[in-house]
Amino acid sequence: MKRVLCPKCENYLYFDETKYSEGQSLVFECEHCGKQFSIRLGKSKVKALRKEENLEEEAEVKKNSDISQ
Protein backbone atom coordinates (compact mmCIF):
# COMPACT_ATOMS: atom_id res chain seq x y z
CA MET A 1 0.00 0.00 0.00
CA LYS A 2 1.14 3.51 -0.82
CA ARG A 3 -0.11 6.76 0.59
CA VAL A 4 -0.50 10.16 -1.03
CA LEU A 5 -0.94 13.50 0.68
CA CYS A 6 -3.89 15.71 -0.19
CA PRO A 7 -2.46 19.04 -1.38
CA LYS A 8 -5.30 20.98 0.26
CA CYS A 9 -5.85 19.52 3.73
CA GLU A 10 -2.80 17.25 4.08
CA ASN A 11 -4.93 14.18 4.76
CA TYR A 12 -3.39 10.85 3.69
CA LEU A 13 -5.12 8.67 1.11
CA TYR A 14 -4.04 5.05 0.59
CA PHE A 15 -4.04 2.91 -2.55
CA ASP A 16 -2.64 -0.42 -3.75
CA GLU A 17 0.17 0.47 -6.18
CA THR A 18 0.39 -3.14 -7.45
CA LYS A 19 -2.86 -2.65 -9.39
CA TYR A 20 -1.31 0.05 -11.60
CA SER A 21 1.64 0.29 -13.98
CA GLU A 22 4.52 2.76 -13.96
CA GLY A 23 3.70 5.94 -15.85
CA GLN A 24 -0.03 5.61 -15.26
CA SER A 25 -1.92 8.68 -13.98
CA LEU A 26 -4.31 8.29 -11.06
CA VAL A 27 -7.00 10.72 -9.93
CA PHE A 28 -7.96 10.90 -6.25
CA GLU A 29 -10.73 12.65 -4.38
CA CYS A 30 -9.94 13.39 -0.75
CA GLU A 31 -12.58 11.94 1.58
CA HIS A 32 -11.89 14.73 4.08
CA CYS A 33 -12.15 17.93 2.00
CA GLY A 34 -13.36 16.74 -1.43
CA LYS A 35 -10.30 18.06 -3.32
CA GLN A 36 -9.58 16.23 -6.59
CA PHE A 37 -5.95 15.80 -7.61
CA SER A 38 -3.86 13.48 -9.73
CA ILE A 39 -0.49 11.79 -9.53
CA ARG A 40 1.62 9.89 -12.03
CA LEU A 41 3.14 6.61 -10.90
CA GLY A 42 6.84 6.25 -11.45
CA LYS A 43 10.18 6.11 -9.79
CA SER A 44 10.68 8.66 -7.05
CA LYS A 45 13.12 11.39 -8.01
CA VAL A 46 13.71 12.06 -4.31
CA LYS A 47 14.81 8.47 -3.64
CA ALA A 48 17.14 8.50 -6.65
CA LEU A 49 18.65 11.80 -5.51
CA ARG A 50 19.15 10.52 -1.96
CA LYS A 51 20.81 7.35 -3.25
CA GLU A 52 23.17 9.42 -5.39
CA GLU A 53 24.02 11.66 -2.41
CA ASN A 54 24.72 8.61 -0.23
CA LEU A 55 27.09 7.17 -2.84
CA GLU A 56 28.95 10.48 -3.02
CA GLU A 57 29.23 10.63 0.78
CA GLU A 58 30.56 7.07 0.94
CA ALA A 59 33.17 7.85 -1.71
CA GLU A 60 34.26 10.96 0.22
CA VAL A 61 34.53 9.00 3.49
CA LYS A 62 36.60 6.31 1.79
CA LYS A 63 38.82 8.94 0.17
CA ASN A 64 39.40 10.64 3.53
CA SER A 65 40.18 7.34 5.28
CA ASP A 66 42.70 6.43 2.56
CA ILE A 67 44.45 9.80 2.99
CA SER A 68 44.71 9.49 6.79
CA GLN A 69 46.41 6.08 6.64
C-alpha atoms as a PDB file:
ATOM      1  CA  MET A   1       0.000   0.000   0.000  1.00  0.00           C
ATOM      2  CA  LYS A   2       1.141   3.507  -0.824  1.00  0.00           C
ATOM      3  CA  ARG A   3      -0.113   6.758   0.586  1.00  0.00           C
ATOM      4  CA  VAL A   4      -0.500  10.161  -1.027  1.00  0.00           C
ATOM      5  CA  LEU A   5      -0.944  13.497   0.677  1.00  0.00           C
ATOM      6  CA  CYS A   6      -3.894  15.710  -0.193  1.00  0.00           C
ATOM      7  CA  PRO A   7      -2.460  19.042  -1.375  1.00  0.00           C
ATOM      8  CA  LYS A   8      -5.301  20.978   0.259  1.00  0.00           C
ATOM      9  CA  CYS A   9      -5.855  19.522   3.728  1.00  0.00           C
ATOM     10  CA  GLU A  10      -2.796  17.252   4.078  1.00  0.00           C
ATOM     11  CA  ASN A  11      -4.930  14.175   4.758  1.00  0.00           C
ATOM     12  CA  TYR A  12      -3.388  10.852   3.689  1.00  0.00           C
ATOM     13  CA  LEU A  13      -5.120   8.671   1.110  1.00  0.00           C
ATOM     14  CA  TYR A  14      -4.043   5.055   0.595  1.00  0.00           C
ATOM     15  CA  PHE A  15      -4.036   2.915  -2.549  1.00  0.00           C
ATOM     16  CA  ASP A  16      -2.639  -0.420  -3.750  1.00  0.00           C
ATOM     17  CA  GLU A  17       0.165   0.468  -6.180  1.00  0.00           C
ATOM     18  CA  THR A  18       0.392  -3.135  -7.454  1.00  0.00           C
ATOM     19  CA  LYS A  19      -2.863  -2.645  -9.388  1.00  0.00           C
ATOM     20  CA  TYR A  20      -1.308   0.049 -11.598  1.00  0.00           C
ATOM     21  CA  SER A  21       1.639   0.286 -13.977  1.00  0.00           C
ATOM     22  CA  GLU A  22       4.525   2.764 -13.956  1.00  0.00           C
ATOM     23  CA  GLY A  23       3.703   5.943 -15.848  1.00  0.00           C
ATOM     24  CA  GLN A  24      -0.033   5.615 -15.256  1.00  0.00           C
ATOM     25  CA  SER A  25      -1.923   8.682 -13.977  1.00  0.00           C
ATOM     26  CA  LEU A  26      -4.314   8.286 -11.055  1.00  0.00           C
ATOM     27  CA  VAL A  27      -7.003  10.718  -9.931  1.00  0.00           C
ATOM     28  CA  PHE A  28      -7.962  10.899  -6.254  1.00  0.00           C
ATOM     29  CA  GLU A  29     -10.730  12.654  -4.377  1.00  0.00           C
ATOM     30  CA  CYS A  30      -9.945  13.395  -0.748  1.00  0.00           C
ATOM     31  CA  GLU A  31     -12.579  11.938   1.584  1.00  0.00           C
ATOM     32  CA  HIS A  32     -11.893  14.725   4.077  1.00  0.00           C
ATOM     33  CA  CYS A  33     -12.152  17.925   2.000  1.00  0.00           C
ATOM     34  CA  GLY A  34     -13.359  16.745  -1.430  1.00  0.00           C
ATOM     35  CA  LYS A  35     -10.297  18.057  -3.324  1.00  0.00           C
ATOM     36  CA  GLN A  36      -9.585  16.233  -6.595  1.00  0.00           C
ATOM     37  CA  PHE A  37      -5.949  15.800  -7.605  1.00  0.00           C
ATOM     38  CA  SER A  38      -3.861  13.481  -9.734  1.00  0.00           C
ATOM     39  CA  ILE A  39      -0.492  11.789  -9.534  1.00  0.00           C
ATOM     40  CA  ARG A  40       1.620   9.887 -12.033  1.00  0.00           C
ATOM     41  CA  LEU A  41       3.142   6.614 -10.897  1.00  0.00           C
ATOM     42  CA  GLY A  42       6.841   6.250 -11.449  1.00  0.00           C
ATOM     43  CA  LYS A  43      10.183   6.111  -9.787  1.00  0.00           C
ATOM     44  CA  SER A  44      10.675   8.659  -7.054  1.00  0.00           C
ATOM     45  CA  LYS A  45      13.121  11.389  -8.009  1.00  0.00           C
ATOM     46  CA  VAL A  46      13.709  12.055  -4.313  1.00  0.00           C
ATOM     47  CA  LYS A  47      14.806   8.472  -3.637  1.00  0.00           C
ATOM     48  CA  ALA A  48      17.136   8.502  -6.647  1.00  0.00           C
ATOM     49  CA  LEU A  49      18.653  11.796  -5.505  1.00  0.00           C
ATOM     50  CA  ARG A  50      19.150  10.518  -1.956  1.00  0.00           C
ATOM     51  CA  LYS A  51      20.806   7.353  -3.249  1.00  0.00           C
ATOM     52  CA  GLU A  52      23.167   9.424  -5.388  1.00  0.00           C
ATOM     53  CA  GLU A  53      24.017  11.661  -2.412  1.00  0.00           C
ATOM     54  CA  ASN A  54      24.718   8.613  -0.231  1.00  0.00           C
ATOM     55  CA  LEU A  55      27.092   7.169  -2.842  1.00  0.00           C
ATOM     56  CA  GLU A  56      28.951  10.484  -3.023  1.00  0.00           C
ATOM     57  CA  GLU A  57      29.226  10.634   0.783  1.00  0.00           C
ATOM     58  CA  GLU A  58      30.556   7.069   0.941  1.00  0.00           C
ATOM     59  CA  ALA A  59      33.169   7.853  -1.711  1.00  0.00           C
ATOM     60  CA  GLU A  60      34.258  10.959   0.219  1.00  0.00           C
ATOM     61  CA  VAL A  61      34.530   9.004   3.489  1.00  0.00           C
ATOM     62  CA  LYS A  62      36.604   6.307   1.790  1.00  0.00           C
ATOM     63  CA  LYS A  63      38.823   8.939   0.168  1.00  0.00           C
ATOM     64  CA  ASN A  64      39.402  10.642   3.530  1.00  0.00           C
ATOM     65  CA  SER A  65      40.176   7.340   5.279  1.00  0.00           C
ATOM     66  CA  ASP A  66      42.703   6.434   2.565  1.00  0.00           C
ATOM     67  CA  ILE A  67      44.447   9.797   2.994  1.00  0.00           C
ATOM     68  CA  SER A  68      44.706   9.488   6.786  1.00  0.00           C
ATOM     69  CA  GLN A  69      46.406   6.080   6.640  1.00  0.00           C
END
